[in-house]
C-alpha atoms as a PDB file:
ATOM      1  CA  UNK A   1      -2.720  -6.783   5.496  1.00  0.00           C
ATOM      2  CA  UNK A   2      -7.006  -6.439   6.344  1.00  0.00           C
ATOM      3  CA  UNK A   3      -8.061  -4.844   9.526  1.00  0.00           C
ATOM      4  CA  UNK A   4      -9.113  -6.857  12.671  1.00  0.00           C
ATOM      5  CA  UNK A   5     -12.740  -5.695  12.448  1.00  0.00           C
ATOM      6  CA  UNK A   6     -13.426  -7.697   9.300  1.00  0.00           C
ATOM      7  CA  UNK A   7     -14.998 -10.955  10.543  1.00  0.00           C
ATOM      8  CA  UNK A   8     -13.428 -14.187   8.694  1.00  0.00           C
ATOM      9  CA  UNK A   9     -15.636 -14.335   6.148  1.00  0.00           C
ATOM     10  CA  UNK A  10     -15.763 -10.446   4.506  1.00  0.00           C
ATOM     11  CA  UNK A  11     -11.858 -10.970   4.919  1.00  0.00           C
ATOM     12  CA  UNK A  12     -11.999 -14.842   3.119  1.00  0.00           C
ATOM     13  CA  UNK A  13     -13.737 -12.766   0.169  1.00  0.00           C
ATOM     14  CA  UNK A  14     -11.578 -10.210  -0.098  1.00  0.00           C
ATOM     15  CA  UNK A  15      -8.184 -11.858  -0.098  1.00  0.00           C
ATOM     16  CA  UNK A  16      -9.909 -14.028  -3.114  1.00  0.00           C
ATOM     17  CA  UNK A  17     -10.819 -11.300  -5.013  1.00  0.00           C
ATOM     18  CA  UNK A  18      -7.013  -9.983  -4.408  1.00  0.00           C
ATOM     19  CA  UNK A  19      -5.947 -13.513  -5.821  1.00  0.00           C
ATOM     20  CA  UNK A  20      -8.457 -13.332  -9.188  1.00  0.00           C
ATOM     21  CA  UNK A  21      -6.993  -9.950  -9.767  1.00  0.00           C
ATOM     22  CA  UNK A  22      -3.782 -11.246  -9.185  1.00  0.00           C
ATOM     23  CA  UNK A  23      -4.373 -14.450 -11.935  1.00  0.00           C
ATOM     24  CA  UNK A  24      -5.483 -12.118 -13.951  1.00  0.00           C
ATOM     25  CA  UNK A  25      -4.171  -8.556 -14.947  1.00  0.00           C
ATOM     26  CA  UNK A  26      -6.211  -7.991 -17.797  1.00  0.00           C
ATOM     27  CA  UNK A  27      -8.961  -7.382 -15.942  1.00  0.00           C
ATOM     28  CA  UNK A  28     -10.371  -5.349 -12.825  1.00  0.00           C
ATOM     29  CA  UNK A  29     -12.835  -7.231 -10.359  1.00  0.00           C
ATOM     30  CA  UNK A  30     -14.847  -6.437  -7.806  1.00  0.00           C
ATOM     31  CA  UNK A  31     -17.706  -7.638  -5.852  1.00  0.00           C
ATOM     32  CA  UNK A  32     -21.182  -5.946  -6.720  1.00  0.00           C
ATOM     33  CA  UNK A  33     -24.319  -6.278  -3.836  1.00  0.00           C
ATOM     34  CA  UNK A  34     -28.145  -5.526  -6.023  1.00  0.00           C
ATOM     35  CA  UNK A  35     -30.772  -6.514  -3.558  1.00  0.00           C
ATOM     36  CA  UNK A  36     -29.525  -9.854  -1.170  1.00  0.00           C
ATOM     37  CA  UNK A  37     -27.829 -11.312  -4.063  1.00  0.00           C
ATOM     38  CA  UNK A  38     -24.082 -10.406  -4.394  1.00  0.00           C
ATOM     39  CA  UNK A  39     -22.254 -11.327  -8.533  1.00  0.00           C
ATOM     40  CA  UNK A  40     -18.583 -10.955  -9.157  1.00  0.00           C
ATOM     41  CA  UNK A  41     -17.804  -8.799 -12.092  1.00  0.00           C
ATOM     42  CA  UNK A  42     -14.683  -8.652 -14.485  1.00  0.00           C
ATOM     43  CA  UNK A  43     -14.537  -6.471 -17.107  1.00  0.00           C
ATOM     44  CA  UNK A  44     -11.659  -5.850 -18.782  1.00  0.00           C
ATOM     45  CA  UNK A  45      -8.759  -3.017 -19.271  1.00  0.00           C
ATOM     46  CA  UNK A  46      -7.001  -4.231 -22.543  1.00  0.00           C
ATOM     47  CA  UNK A  47      -9.016  -4.074 -26.157  1.00  0.00           C
ATOM     48  CA  UNK A  48      -6.739  -7.591 -26.556  1.00  0.00           C
ATOM     49  CA  UNK A  49      -8.211  -9.474 -23.525  1.00  0.00           C
ATOM     50  CA  UNK A  50     -11.608 -11.213 -24.367  1.00  0.00           C
ATOM     51  CA  UNK A  51     -14.594 -11.079 -22.865  1.00  0.00           C
ATOM     52  CA  UNK A  52     -15.457  -8.188 -22.176  1.00  0.00           C
ATOM     53  CA  UNK A  53     -16.931  -8.938 -19.042  1.00  0.00           C
ATOM     54  CA  UNK A  54     -18.318 -11.842 -16.813  1.00  0.00           C
ATOM     55  CA  UNK A  55     -20.495 -11.558 -14.582  1.00  0.00           C
ATOM     56  CA  UNK A  56     -21.019 -15.028 -11.866  1.00  0.00           C
ATOM     57  CA  UNK A  57     -22.545 -16.319  -8.816  1.00  0.00           C
ATOM     58  CA  UNK A  58     -19.084 -16.796  -6.629  1.00  0.00           C
ATOM     59  CA  UNK A  59     -15.320 -16.241  -7.126  1.00  0.00           C
ATOM     60  CA  UNK A  60     -15.065 -19.781  -7.760  1.00  0.00           C
ATOM     61  CA  UNK A  61     -17.098 -19.887 -11.271  1.00  0.00           C
ATOM     62  CA  UNK A  62     -15.568 -16.318 -11.983  1.00  0.00           C
ATOM     63  CA  UNK A  63     -11.657 -17.253 -12.211  1.00  0.00           C
ATOM     64  CA  UNK A  64     -13.682 -21.231 -14.213  1.00  0.00           C
ATOM     65  CA  UNK A  65     -14.930 -18.013 -17.163  1.00  0.00           C
ATOM     66  CA  UNK A  66     -11.675 -16.133 -17.639  1.00  0.00           C
ATOM     67  CA  UNK A  67     -10.000 -18.963 -17.415  1.00  0.00           C
ATOM     68  CA  UNK A  68     -11.986 -20.531 -20.343  1.00  0.00           C
ATOM     69  CA  UNK A  69     -10.985 -17.738 -22.119  1.00  0.00           C
ATOM     70  CA  UNK A  70      -8.126 -19.104 -24.046  1.00  0.00           C
ATOM     71  CA  UNK A  71      -8.303 -18.152 -27.934  1.00  0.00           C
ATOM     72  CA  UNK A  72      -9.571 -21.695 -29.312  1.00  0.00           C
ATOM     73  CA  UNK A  73      -7.011 -23.263 -32.330  1.00  0.00           C
ATOM     74  CA  UNK A  74      -8.753 -22.736 -35.595  1.00  0.00           C
ATOM     75  CA  UNK A  75     -10.939 -24.988 -37.381  1.00  0.00           C
ATOM     76  CA  UNK A  76      -9.989 -26.879 -39.974  1.00  0.00           C
ATOM     77  CA  UNK A  77     -10.609 -24.356 -42.970  1.00  0.00           C
ATOM     78  CA  UNK A  78     -11.301 -21.509 -40.779  1.00  0.00           C
ATOM     79  CA  UNK A  79      -9.559 -18.285 -40.492  1.00  0.00           C
ATOM     80  CA  UNK A  80      -9.129 -16.257 -37.354  1.00  0.00           C
ATOM     81  CA  UNK A  81      -9.084 -12.685 -37.950  1.00  0.00           C
ATOM     82  CA  UNK A  82      -8.082 -11.028 -34.400  1.00  0.00           C
ATOM     83  CA  UNK A  83      -9.120  -7.488 -33.545  1.00  0.00           C
ATOM     84  CA  UNK A  84      -7.314  -4.808 -35.003  1.00  0.00           C
ATOM     85  CA  UNK A  85      -6.336  -7.281 -38.332  1.00  0.00           C
ATOM     86  CA  UNK A  86      -7.277  -6.924 -41.405  1.00  0.00           C
ATOM     87  CA  UNK A  87      -9.539  -9.129 -42.735  1.00  0.00           C
ATOM     88  CA  UNK A  88      -8.882 -11.435 -45.594  1.00  0.00           C
ATOM     89  CA  UNK A  89     -10.246 -10.918 -48.375  1.00  0.00           C
ATOM     90  CA  UNK A  90     -11.431 -13.961 -50.512  1.00  0.00           C
END
C-alpha cells in the first residue's frame, strides 16, 4: 500500500512501475529524472534476456519496447546463435 501523503499522480506512477516489474521479471525498472525530464529505464538482470538496457520517455513506451523483445524466427538460410552457444563452422 502506498502512503496517503502521496498525491494521486505519484501513486499511479509507482503502481505503473510495479506493474511493469511484474510483467518483465528479467529486468529491474526505475524512473530517472535528469534536469526537467523523466526517463524510464529497464536493465536486464540475466544474460539470457534482451535488450541489455532500454530507456524510454513513458512507461507505456517502455512496455512496448520490452514486449517486442521476443526473438523473431530465423529467416530462411540464416542461422541464429544464442549467447553461450558455439558458432557453427562453415
